């Protein structure tokens, strides 16, 4: 990974990805975050077929933090095994530039 990360995961499978950027987050960054994770979810729901086997059950809308203009928050409800978190981190690493760090709560 090009960025440091921390996985707290206290409420797994219901998580919040706190994505910190080096720059201020703009609406286009939120859209990119949603698009990348939505594409990941679509790819894996099509290949697995069974509702219970889908690695991600829900992805919320990405939001800008009210406290930190460099922080985007996105709610992800995992349906699969906790290892899927690594896949999502890898997707962010591969497709999104400018991430300073990610904290998964």
Protein backbone atom coordinates (compact mmCIF):
# COMPACT_ATOMS: atom_id res chain seq x y z
CA UNK A 1 0.00 0.00 0.00
CA UNK A 2 1.12 3.52 -0.74
CA UNK A 3 -0.60 4.80 2.37
CA UNK A 4 -0.62 3.76 6.04
CA UNK A 5 -3.81 2.21 7.38
CA UNK A 6 -5.30 1.15 10.67
CA UNK A 7 -8.07 -1.41 11.09
CA UNK A 8 -10.03 -0.96 14.30
CA UNK A 9 -13.16 -2.76 13.09
CA UNK A 10 -15.01 -2.66 16.40
CA UNK A 11 -18.42 -2.97 14.74
CA UNK A 12 -17.47 -5.34 11.90
CA UNK A 13 -19.21 -6.15 9.58
CA UNK A 14 -20.61 -2.61 9.83
CA UNK A 15 -17.65 -0.30 9.18
CA UNK A 16 -16.72 3.27 8.37
CA UNK A 17 -13.75 3.91 6.13
CA UNK A 18 -12.11 7.20 7.12
CA UNK A 19 -10.12 8.19 4.03
CA UNK A 20 -7.69 11.02 4.68
CA UNK A 21 -6.36 12.90 1.64
CA UNK A 22 -3.28 15.09 1.29
CA UNK A 23 -5.56 17.75 -0.22
CA UNK A 24 -8.98 19.13 0.60
CA UNK A 25 -11.77 16.79 -0.42
CA UNK A 26 -14.01 18.03 -3.22
CA UNK A 27 -17.24 16.52 -4.58
CA UNK A 28 -15.33 14.85 -7.42
CA UNK A 29 -13.19 12.98 -4.86
CA UNK A 30 -16.32 11.73 -3.09
CA UNK A 31 -17.77 10.57 -6.42
CA UNK A 32 -14.54 8.77 -7.33
CA UNK A 33 -14.56 6.99 -3.97
CA UNK A 34 -18.18 5.88 -4.49
CA UNK A 35 -17.49 4.80 -8.09
CA UNK A 36 -14.43 2.71 -7.22
CA UNK A 37 -16.14 0.92 -4.34
CA UNK A 38 -19.40 0.54 -6.25
CA UNK A 39 -17.54 -1.09 -9.15
CA UNK A 40 -15.83 -3.46 -6.71
CA UNK A 41 -19.18 -4.40 -5.18
CA UNK A 42 -20.76 -4.94 -8.60
CA UNK A 43 -17.92 -7.17 -9.82
CA UNK A 44 -18.13 -9.41 -6.79
CA UNK A 45 -21.92 -9.59 -6.51
CA UNK A 46 -22.13 -10.69 -10.15
CA UNK A 47 -19.53 -13.44 -9.72
CA UNK A 48 -20.86 -14.85 -6.44
CA UNK A 49 -24.58 -14.80 -7.16
CA UNK A 50 -25.74 -15.87 -3.69
CA UNK A 51 -26.86 -12.99 -1.46
CA UNK A 52 -25.13 -14.46 1.61
CA UNK A 53 -21.83 -14.87 -0.26
CA UNK A 54 -21.60 -11.26 -1.43
CA UNK A 55 -18.51 -9.68 0.18
CA UNK A 56 -20.20 -6.28 0.59
CA UNK A 57 -23.89 -5.87 1.39
CA UNK A 58 -24.07 -2.08 1.36
CA UNK A 59 -22.00 0.96 0.46
CA UNK A 60 -23.27 4.34 1.58
CA UNK A 61 -22.65 7.70 -0.01
CA UNK A 62 -19.23 9.18 0.60
CA UNK A 63 -19.39 12.27 2.78
CA UNK A 64 -17.05 15.09 3.65
CA UNK A 65 -16.20 15.27 7.34
CA UNK A 66 -17.58 18.33 9.11
CA UNK A 67 -14.45 18.51 11.29
CA UNK A 68 -11.67 17.89 8.76
CA UNK A 69 -11.72 19.12 5.12
CA UNK A 70 -9.14 16.42 4.22
CA UNK A 71 -11.35 13.53 5.40
CA UNK A 72 -13.94 11.56 3.44
CA UNK A 73 -16.16 9.06 5.25
CA UNK A 74 -17.92 6.10 3.68
CA UNK A 75 -20.07 3.47 5.37
CA UNK A 76 -19.54 -0.13 4.22
CA UNK A 77 -21.49 -3.11 5.52
CA UNK A 78 -19.53 -6.27 4.78
CA UNK A 79 -21.29 -9.56 4.23
CA UNK A 80 -18.23 -11.68 3.66
CA UNK A 81 -15.23 -12.52 5.75
CA UNK A 82 -13.16 -9.79 7.45
CA UNK A 83 -10.38 -10.41 4.92
CA UNK A 84 -12.46 -8.47 2.39
CA UNK A 85 -11.28 -5.29 4.13
CA UNK A 86 -7.84 -5.96 2.58
CA UNK A 87 -9.44 -6.17 -0.88
CA UNK A 88 -11.15 -2.82 -0.37
CA UNK A 89 -7.91 -1.22 0.82
CA UNK A 90 -6.19 -2.63 -2.26
CA UNK A 91 -8.91 -1.15 -4.50
CA UNK A 92 -8.37 2.27 -2.93
CA UNK A 93 -4.60 1.91 -3.34
CA UNK A 94 -4.93 0.91 -7.00
CA UNK A 95 -7.56 3.39 -8.16
CA UNK A 96 -7.36 6.52 -6.01
CA UNK A 97 -4.42 8.90 -5.77
CA UNK A 98 -3.75 11.40 -3.01
CA UNK A 99 -4.70 9.24 -0.03
CA UNK A 100 -2.66 10.08 3.04
CA UNK A 101 -4.04 7.29 5.28
CA UNK A 102 -7.13 5.16 5.93
CA UNK A 103 -8.65 4.23 9.27
CA UNK A 104 -11.31 1.51 9.25
CA UNK A 105 -13.65 1.70 12.25
